[in-house]
Amino acid sequence: FPTRAALLSTVAGTGFAQLAALLGALPDGDAVRRVRAACESYVDFARGNPALFELMFRSDMVALGEGVSEQFRCIVRGLPTSDLVATSLWAALRGLALLPDADAVLQVTLDAYVR
């Protein structure tokens, strides 16, 4: 790698690719089931890879994740909702994934967003 930034970008890009693969492997089913599974996969990924997740969402790396963010919004569009709500859910997941009680907070969040 010619620079530290190039190395970090490659590592972050690999993380986004892993997250995209998880979202691409969701179970078949209705939209609510798929959205819940996507959110759980996101949080599980973040909690299982905390340093990688932190790197991926640094301000200088987050643009690398536009594709996976759009993939998530497409999943959420299966619900009768807007892109703004999908983006809000994406942002909420990012924050709650860092909490020690993420699983409990995720369930409350899903109950609020996914009806």
Protein backbone atom coordinates (compact mmCIF):
# COMPACT_ATOMS: atom_id res chain seq x y z
CA PHE A 1 0.00 0.00 0.00
CA PRO A 2 1.47 3.34 -0.96
CA THR A 3 -0.03 5.23 1.97
CA ARG A 4 -1.68 4.64 5.31
CA ALA A 5 -4.89 6.10 3.91
CA ALA A 6 -4.84 3.56 1.07
CA LEU A 7 -4.45 0.72 3.56
CA LEU A 8 -7.26 1.96 5.79
CA SER A 9 -9.53 2.52 2.78
CA THR A 10 -8.96 -1.04 1.63
CA VAL A 11 -9.72 -2.44 5.07
CA ALA A 12 -12.86 -0.30 5.40
CA GLY A 13 -13.96 -1.31 1.91
CA THR A 14 -13.58 -4.96 2.89
CA GLY A 15 -15.79 -4.33 5.92
CA PHE A 16 -18.48 -2.73 3.78
CA ALA A 17 -18.27 -5.69 1.40
CA GLN A 18 -18.77 -8.10 4.31
CA LEU A 19 -21.76 -6.13 5.54
CA ALA A 20 -23.20 -6.05 2.00
CA ALA A 21 -22.82 -9.83 1.79
CA LEU A 22 -24.75 -10.25 5.04
CA LEU A 23 -27.54 -8.02 3.77
CA GLY A 24 -27.55 -9.92 0.49
CA ALA A 25 -28.05 -13.23 2.30
CA LEU A 26 -31.22 -12.33 4.18
CA PRO A 27 -33.91 -14.98 4.45
CA ASP A 28 -36.87 -14.87 2.11
CA GLY A 29 -40.10 -13.68 3.61
CA ASP A 30 -42.25 -10.66 4.05
CA ALA A 31 -40.84 -7.16 4.24
CA VAL A 32 -41.08 -6.90 8.02
CA ARG A 33 -39.12 -10.12 8.50
CA ARG A 34 -36.45 -9.01 6.01
CA VAL A 35 -36.05 -5.55 7.59
CA ARG A 36 -35.77 -7.04 11.07
CA ALA A 37 -33.19 -9.56 9.82
CA ALA A 38 -31.22 -6.78 8.09
CA CYS A 39 -31.14 -4.70 11.26
CA GLU A 40 -30.10 -7.66 13.39
CA SER A 41 -27.36 -8.55 10.87
CA TYR A 42 -26.09 -4.96 10.93
CA VAL A 43 -25.91 -4.85 14.72
CA ASP A 44 -24.37 -8.33 14.95
CA PHE A 45 -21.71 -7.30 12.43
CA ALA A 46 -20.94 -4.10 14.34
CA ARG A 47 -20.70 -5.85 17.69
CA GLY A 48 -18.62 -8.70 16.28
CA ASN A 49 -16.17 -6.36 14.53
CA PRO A 50 -15.98 -3.22 16.68
CA ALA A 51 -12.63 -1.91 15.41
CA LEU A 52 -13.56 -2.53 11.78
CA PHE A 53 -16.98 -0.95 12.31
CA GLU A 54 -15.37 2.12 13.87
CA LEU A 55 -13.00 2.41 10.90
CA MET A 56 -15.81 1.99 8.37
CA PHE A 57 -17.77 4.88 9.80
CA ARG A 58 -14.95 7.35 10.23
CA SER A 59 -15.79 10.56 8.41
CA ASP A 60 -13.06 9.95 5.85
CA MET A 61 -14.25 6.39 5.12
CA VAL A 62 -18.04 6.56 5.27
CA ALA A 63 -18.40 7.41 1.56
CA LEU A 64 -17.07 3.93 0.80
CA GLY A 65 -20.29 2.56 2.30
CA GLU A 66 -22.75 4.36 0.04
CA GLY A 67 -23.48 1.13 -1.82
CA VAL A 68 -24.33 -0.87 1.28
CA SER A 69 -26.37 2.04 2.64
CA GLU A 70 -28.40 2.04 -0.58
CA GLN A 71 -28.75 -1.74 -0.33
CA PHE A 72 -30.19 -1.30 3.18
CA ARG A 73 -32.60 1.41 1.98
CA CYS A 74 -33.82 -0.94 -0.77
CA ILE A 75 -34.61 -3.57 1.84
CA VAL A 76 -36.50 -1.04 3.96
CA ARG A 77 -38.41 0.18 0.88
CA GLY A 78 -40.26 -3.12 1.07
CA LEU A 79 -42.22 -1.52 3.89
CA PRO A 80 -44.70 1.28 3.32
CA THR A 81 -42.20 3.96 4.30
CA SER A 82 -39.97 6.66 2.87
CA ASP A 83 -36.27 6.91 2.09
CA LEU A 84 -35.96 9.41 4.92
CA VAL A 85 -37.27 6.83 7.40
CA ALA A 86 -34.89 4.21 5.96
CA THR A 87 -31.97 6.62 6.35
CA SER A 88 -33.07 7.43 9.89
CA LEU A 89 -33.17 3.72 10.74
CA TRP A 90 -29.67 3.24 9.24
CA ALA A 91 -28.37 6.08 11.43
CA ALA A 92 -30.14 4.74 14.53
CA LEU A 93 -28.58 1.32 14.03
CA ARG A 94 -25.12 2.84 13.80
CA GLY A 95 -25.53 4.49 17.18
CA LEU A 96 -27.30 1.71 19.01
CA ALA A 97 -24.79 -0.91 17.83
CA LEU A 98 -22.25 0.75 20.13
CA LEU A 99 -24.40 0.44 23.25
CA PRO A 100 -23.75 -2.29 25.81
CA ASP A 101 -27.44 -3.26 25.75
CA ALA A 102 -27.73 -3.09 21.95
CA ASP A 103 -29.97 -6.14 21.66
CA ALA A 104 -32.65 -4.69 23.93
CA VAL A 105 -32.40 -1.25 22.35
CA LEU A 106 -32.61 -2.83 18.89
CA GLN A 107 -35.91 -4.48 19.74
CA VAL A 108 -37.39 -1.18 20.96
CA THR A 109 -36.08 0.56 17.84
CA LEU A 110 -37.53 -2.09 15.53
CA ASP A 111 -40.89 -1.86 17.29
CA ALA A 112 -40.89 1.89 16.63
CA TYR A 113 -39.77 1.70 12.98
CA VAL A 114 -41.14 -1.60 11.71
CA ARG A 115 -44.85 -2.13 12.12
